[in-house]
Amino acid sequence: GLVGSRWQRVPTGAVEPQGWLKMQMTLQSQALTSHLPLFWPNVANSTWIGGFADVDGGLHENLPYWMNGAVPLAVQLGDQELLGTIE
């Protein structure tokens, strides 16, 4: 039969970052991650959220890629400001 997986998925937030890693994550959350929607229309005004900024025939993937990083980062840090930006 199949051998069971060696690894188990841990829910986001189950492990809290500390030390250097927490500092790097905090820097990331307070820098480009939280400010990108403020100046890049492809994220702030994406067709995924009813906007029109990325209707130039592209793949419309900017917002999903940004959210794929921003959501876990905000949840892991408990960053209310970034969570508000995501909302």
C-alpha atoms as a PDB file:
ATOM      1  CA  GLY A   1       0.000   0.000   0.000  1.00  0.00           C
ATOM      2  CA  LEU A   2       0.879   3.643   0.001  1.00  0.00           C
ATOM      3  CA  VAL A   3       3.165   4.978   2.668  1.00  0.00           C
ATOM      4  CA  GLY A   4       1.648   7.761   4.770  1.00  0.00           C
ATOM      5  CA  SER A   5       2.933  11.283   4.320  1.00  0.00           C
ATOM      6  CA  ARG A   6       5.979  12.192   6.318  1.00  0.00           C
ATOM      7  CA  TRP A   7       4.764  15.770   6.742  1.00  0.00           C
ATOM      8  CA  GLN A   8       1.547  17.180   8.131  1.00  0.00           C
ATOM      9  CA  ARG A   9       0.032  20.511   7.173  1.00  0.00           C
ATOM     10  CA  VAL A  10      -0.027  23.023  10.010  1.00  0.00           C
ATOM     11  CA  PRO A  11      -2.820  25.630   9.942  1.00  0.00           C
ATOM     12  CA  THR A  12      -1.823  29.236   9.303  1.00  0.00           C
ATOM     13  CA  GLY A  13      -1.241  30.914  12.645  1.00  0.00           C
ATOM     14  CA  ALA A  14      -0.478  27.679  14.514  1.00  0.00           C
ATOM     15  CA  VAL A  15       3.230  28.546  14.618  1.00  0.00           C
ATOM     16  CA  GLU A  16       4.236  32.045  15.691  1.00  0.00           C
ATOM     17  CA  PRO A  17       7.316  33.626  14.116  1.00  0.00           C
ATOM     18  CA  GLN A  18       9.962  34.945  16.494  1.00  0.00           C
ATOM     19  CA  GLY A  19      13.284  36.719  16.330  1.00  0.00           C
ATOM     20  CA  TRP A  20      14.816  37.407  12.935  1.00  0.00           C
ATOM     21  CA  LEU A  21      11.963  35.792  10.988  1.00  0.00           C
ATOM     22  CA  LYS A  22       9.314  37.895  12.742  1.00  0.00           C
ATOM     23  CA  MET A  23      11.354  41.034  12.103  1.00  0.00           C
ATOM     24  CA  GLN A  24      11.646  40.215   8.381  1.00  0.00           C
ATOM     25  CA  MET A  25       7.946  39.422   8.104  1.00  0.00           C
ATOM     26  CA  THR A  26       7.067  42.670   9.873  1.00  0.00           C
ATOM     27  CA  LEU A  27       9.316  44.643   7.513  1.00  0.00           C
ATOM     28  CA  GLN A  28       7.639  43.000   4.542  1.00  0.00           C
ATOM     29  CA  SER A  29       4.133  43.648   5.873  1.00  0.00           C
ATOM     30  CA  GLN A  30       4.884  47.335   6.516  1.00  0.00           C
ATOM     31  CA  ALA A  31       6.673  47.940   3.233  1.00  0.00           C
ATOM     32  CA  LEU A  32       5.683  46.884  -0.280  1.00  0.00           C
ATOM     33  CA  THR A  33       3.048  44.337   0.750  1.00  0.00           C
ATOM     34  CA  SER A  34       0.859  46.905   2.509  1.00  0.00           C
ATOM     35  CA  HIS A  35       1.600  49.756   0.114  1.00  0.00           C
ATOM     36  CA  LEU A  36       1.299  48.023  -3.273  1.00  0.00           C
ATOM     37  CA  PRO A  37      -2.485  48.550  -3.531  1.00  0.00           C
ATOM     38  CA  LEU A  38      -1.974  52.247  -2.832  1.00  0.00           C
ATOM     39  CA  PHE A  39      -0.028  52.910  -6.026  1.00  0.00           C
ATOM     40  CA  TRP A  40      -0.435  49.984  -8.431  1.00  0.00           C
ATOM     41  CA  PRO A  41      -3.815  49.994 -10.179  1.00  0.00           C
ATOM     42  CA  ASN A  42      -3.505  46.348 -11.279  1.00  0.00           C
ATOM     43  CA  VAL A  43      -3.902  45.382  -7.619  1.00  0.00           C
ATOM     44  CA  ALA A  44      -6.005  48.254  -6.280  1.00  0.00           C
ATOM     45  CA  ASN A  45      -8.452  48.292  -9.174  1.00  0.00           C
ATOM     46  CA  SER A  46      -8.311  44.723 -10.474  1.00  0.00           C
ATOM     47  CA  THR A  47     -11.105  43.082 -12.422  1.00  0.00           C
ATOM     48  CA  TRP A  48     -11.149  40.451  -9.649  1.00  0.00           C
ATOM     49  CA  ILE A  49     -12.774  43.049  -7.393  1.00  0.00           C
ATOM     50  CA  GLY A  50     -14.908  44.789 -10.001  1.00  0.00           C
ATOM     51  CA  GLY A  51     -12.290  47.218 -11.296  1.00  0.00           C
ATOM     52  CA  PHE A  52     -10.979  47.865 -14.759  1.00  0.00           C
ATOM     53  CA  ALA A  53      -7.230  48.435 -14.419  1.00  0.00           C
ATOM     54  CA  ASP A  54      -6.043  45.120 -15.853  1.00  0.00           C
ATOM     55  CA  VAL A  55      -8.354  44.758 -18.862  1.00  0.00           C
ATOM     56  CA  ASP A  56      -5.522  45.180 -21.358  1.00  0.00           C
ATOM     57  CA  GLY A  57      -5.623  41.531 -22.416  1.00  0.00           C
ATOM     58  CA  GLY A  58      -3.312  40.296 -19.677  1.00  0.00           C
ATOM     59  CA  LEU A  59      -3.854  37.320 -17.452  1.00  0.00           C
ATOM     60  CA  HIS A  60      -5.358  39.371 -14.619  1.00  0.00           C
ATOM     61  CA  GLU A  61      -3.140  37.562 -12.139  1.00  0.00           C
ATOM     62  CA  ASN A  62      -1.624  40.445 -10.188  1.00  0.00           C
ATOM     63  CA  LEU A  63      -4.250  40.644  -7.430  1.00  0.00           C
ATOM     64  CA  PRO A  64      -4.418  36.873  -6.775  1.00  0.00           C
ATOM     65  CA  TYR A  65      -0.611  36.684  -6.548  1.00  0.00           C
ATOM     66  CA  TRP A  66      -0.507  39.651  -4.174  1.00  0.00           C
ATOM     67  CA  MET A  67      -3.251  38.146  -1.993  1.00  0.00           C
ATOM     68  CA  ASN A  68      -1.483  34.766  -1.980  1.00  0.00           C
ATOM     69  CA  GLY A  69       1.341  36.472  -0.087  1.00  0.00           C
ATOM     70  CA  ALA A  70      -0.477  39.228   1.792  1.00  0.00           C
ATOM     71  CA  VAL A  71      -3.231  37.147   3.406  1.00  0.00           C
ATOM     72  CA  PRO A  72      -1.021  34.520   5.102  1.00  0.00           C
ATOM     73  CA  LEU A  73       1.484  37.219   6.098  1.00  0.00           C
ATOM     74  CA  ALA A  74      -1.219  39.356   7.729  1.00  0.00           C
ATOM     75  CA  VAL A  75      -2.829  36.389   9.488  1.00  0.00           C
ATOM     76  CA  GLN A  76       0.503  34.995  10.689  1.00  0.00           C
ATOM     77  CA  LEU A  77       1.513  38.360  12.163  1.00  0.00           C
ATOM     78  CA  GLY A  78      -1.950  39.388  13.312  1.00  0.00           C
ATOM     79  CA  ASP A  79      -1.322  42.617  11.375  1.00  0.00           C
ATOM     80  CA  GLN A  80      -4.645  44.469  11.643  1.00  0.00           C
ATOM     81  CA  GLU A  81      -3.567  47.264   9.306  1.00  0.00           C
ATOM     82  CA  LEU A  82      -2.648  44.838   6.530  1.00  0.00           C
ATOM     83  CA  LEU A  83      -5.811  42.812   7.170  1.00  0.00           C
ATOM     84  CA  GLY A  84      -7.761  46.052   6.721  1.00  0.00           C
ATOM     85  CA  THR A  85      -5.990  46.722   3.416  1.00  0.00           C
ATOM     86  CA  ILE A  86      -6.858  43.220   2.247  1.00  0.00           C
ATOM     87  CA  GLU A  87     -10.519  43.683   3.146  1.00  0.00           C
END
